[in-house]
Amino acid sequence: MAGGPCERRASCHRRGLRHPGTRHRDTGEGPADLRVDFSGLDSIDSVGLSTLLMIRRLTDLAGVRLHLDERPLALERLLDITGTLHHLTAPRAEGSGGQRPGTG
């Protein structure tokens, strides 16, 4: 869906602006963790994977830990085949300035 909330938020982030629905940890507002429950997921494609990668970037920037709960086999397989399982599920390194494992 063009112009959806995720697209608007990513666009705002690229311009250095804060989307009105986004709260940052440095202000003391917002959650420390974001849990995404995939128990009802039947299938996922490259658009879904791209969305997960964008969510991971945004949560890292906000200092929020991302948890992918109840991952079905289809999601596990996609993350394994694309090599993104570790990237999406590894804990954010504290004190690394937002750098994640494998990001040099």
Protein backbone atom coordinates (compact mmCIF):
# COMPACT_ATOMS: atom_id res chain seq x y z
CA MET A 1 0.00 0.00 0.00
CA ALA A 2 1.70 3.18 -1.21
CA GLY A 3 1.84 5.96 1.31
CA GLY A 4 1.08 3.65 4.26
CA PRO A 5 2.28 4.42 7.79
CA CYS A 6 5.49 2.38 7.44
CA GLU A 7 6.39 4.13 4.19
CA ARG A 8 5.69 7.56 5.69
CA ARG A 9 7.72 6.75 8.79
CA ALA A 10 10.69 5.55 6.68
CA SER A 11 10.45 8.69 4.55
CA CYS A 12 10.44 10.90 7.65
CA HIS A 13 13.41 8.99 9.05
CA ARG A 14 15.40 9.48 5.84
CA ARG A 15 14.85 13.24 6.09
CA GLY A 16 15.84 13.30 9.76
CA LEU A 17 12.29 14.02 10.90
CA ARG A 18 10.30 12.20 13.53
CA HIS A 19 7.00 10.64 12.46
CA PRO A 20 4.20 11.83 14.79
CA GLY A 21 3.44 8.24 15.84
CA THR A 22 7.05 7.48 16.79
CA ARG A 23 8.41 7.80 20.31
CA HIS A 24 12.12 7.73 21.05
CA ARG A 25 13.75 6.18 24.10
CA ASP A 26 16.02 9.18 24.65
CA THR A 27 12.94 11.18 25.68
CA GLY A 28 11.93 8.53 28.21
CA GLU A 29 8.84 7.74 26.19
CA GLY A 30 7.95 4.58 24.34
CA PRO A 31 8.63 0.90 24.85
CA ALA A 32 11.99 -0.79 25.43
CA ASP A 33 10.83 -3.83 23.44
CA LEU A 34 8.70 -4.44 20.36
CA ARG A 35 7.21 -7.93 20.10
CA VAL A 36 5.77 -9.08 16.78
CA ASP A 37 3.59 -12.20 16.99
CA PHE A 38 3.62 -14.27 13.80
CA SER A 39 1.36 -17.08 15.06
CA GLY A 40 -1.32 -16.27 12.44
CA LEU A 41 1.12 -15.93 9.52
CA ASP A 42 0.57 -18.42 6.69
CA SER A 43 3.03 -17.08 4.12
CA ILE A 44 5.50 -14.27 3.59
CA ASP A 45 7.17 -12.83 0.48
CA SER A 46 9.94 -10.36 -0.31
CA VAL A 47 7.72 -7.39 0.59
CA GLY A 48 7.16 -8.86 4.05
CA LEU A 49 10.90 -9.47 4.44
CA SER A 50 11.65 -5.91 3.33
CA THR A 51 9.16 -4.60 5.89
CA LEU A 52 10.80 -6.64 8.65
CA LEU A 53 14.22 -5.26 7.70
CA MET A 54 12.84 -1.71 7.79
CA ILE A 55 11.25 -2.36 11.19
CA ARG A 56 14.60 -3.63 12.45
CA ARG A 57 16.36 -0.47 11.24
CA LEU A 58 13.75 1.74 12.89
CA THR A 59 13.80 -0.16 16.19
CA ASP A 60 17.60 0.00 16.27
CA LEU A 61 17.52 3.75 15.68
CA ALA A 62 14.95 4.15 18.46
CA GLY A 63 16.91 1.92 20.86
CA VAL A 64 14.09 -0.63 20.99
CA ARG A 65 14.70 -4.39 21.11
CA LEU A 66 12.84 -6.31 18.37
CA HIS A 67 11.42 -9.76 19.12
CA LEU A 68 9.95 -12.01 16.42
CA ASP A 69 7.65 -14.33 18.37
CA GLU A 70 5.90 -17.52 17.24
CA ARG A 71 7.73 -17.68 13.90
CA PRO A 72 6.11 -20.26 11.60
CA LEU A 73 8.18 -22.59 9.45
CA ALA A 74 7.61 -20.47 6.30
CA LEU A 75 9.14 -17.42 8.01
CA GLU A 76 12.02 -19.43 9.50
CA ARG A 77 12.78 -20.85 6.06
CA LEU A 78 12.73 -17.42 4.36
CA LEU A 79 14.97 -15.87 7.02
CA ASP A 80 17.39 -18.80 6.80
CA ILE A 81 17.54 -18.85 2.97
CA THR A 82 18.09 -15.09 2.76
CA GLY A 83 20.64 -15.04 5.56
CA THR A 84 18.62 -12.52 7.57
CA LEU A 85 17.71 -14.71 10.55
CA HIS A 86 20.66 -13.58 12.67
CA HIS A 87 20.34 -9.95 11.57
CA LEU A 88 16.69 -9.76 12.60
CA THR A 89 16.92 -11.80 15.79
CA ALA A 90 20.31 -10.85 17.27
CA PRO A 91 20.15 -8.50 20.24
CA ARG A 92 21.12 -4.91 19.59
CA ALA A 93 24.68 -4.32 20.75
CA GLU A 94 24.69 -1.90 23.69
CA GLY A 95 27.07 1.03 23.44
CA SER A 96 27.84 0.37 19.78
CA GLY A 97 26.20 3.48 18.42
CA GLY A 98 23.48 1.36 16.84
CA GLN A 99 25.85 -0.90 14.93
CA ARG A 100 24.70 -4.47 14.60
CA PRO A 101 26.75 -7.62 14.17
CA GLY A 102 28.18 -7.77 10.68
CA THR A 103 27.67 -4.07 9.92
CA GLY A 104 31.36 -3.17 10.16
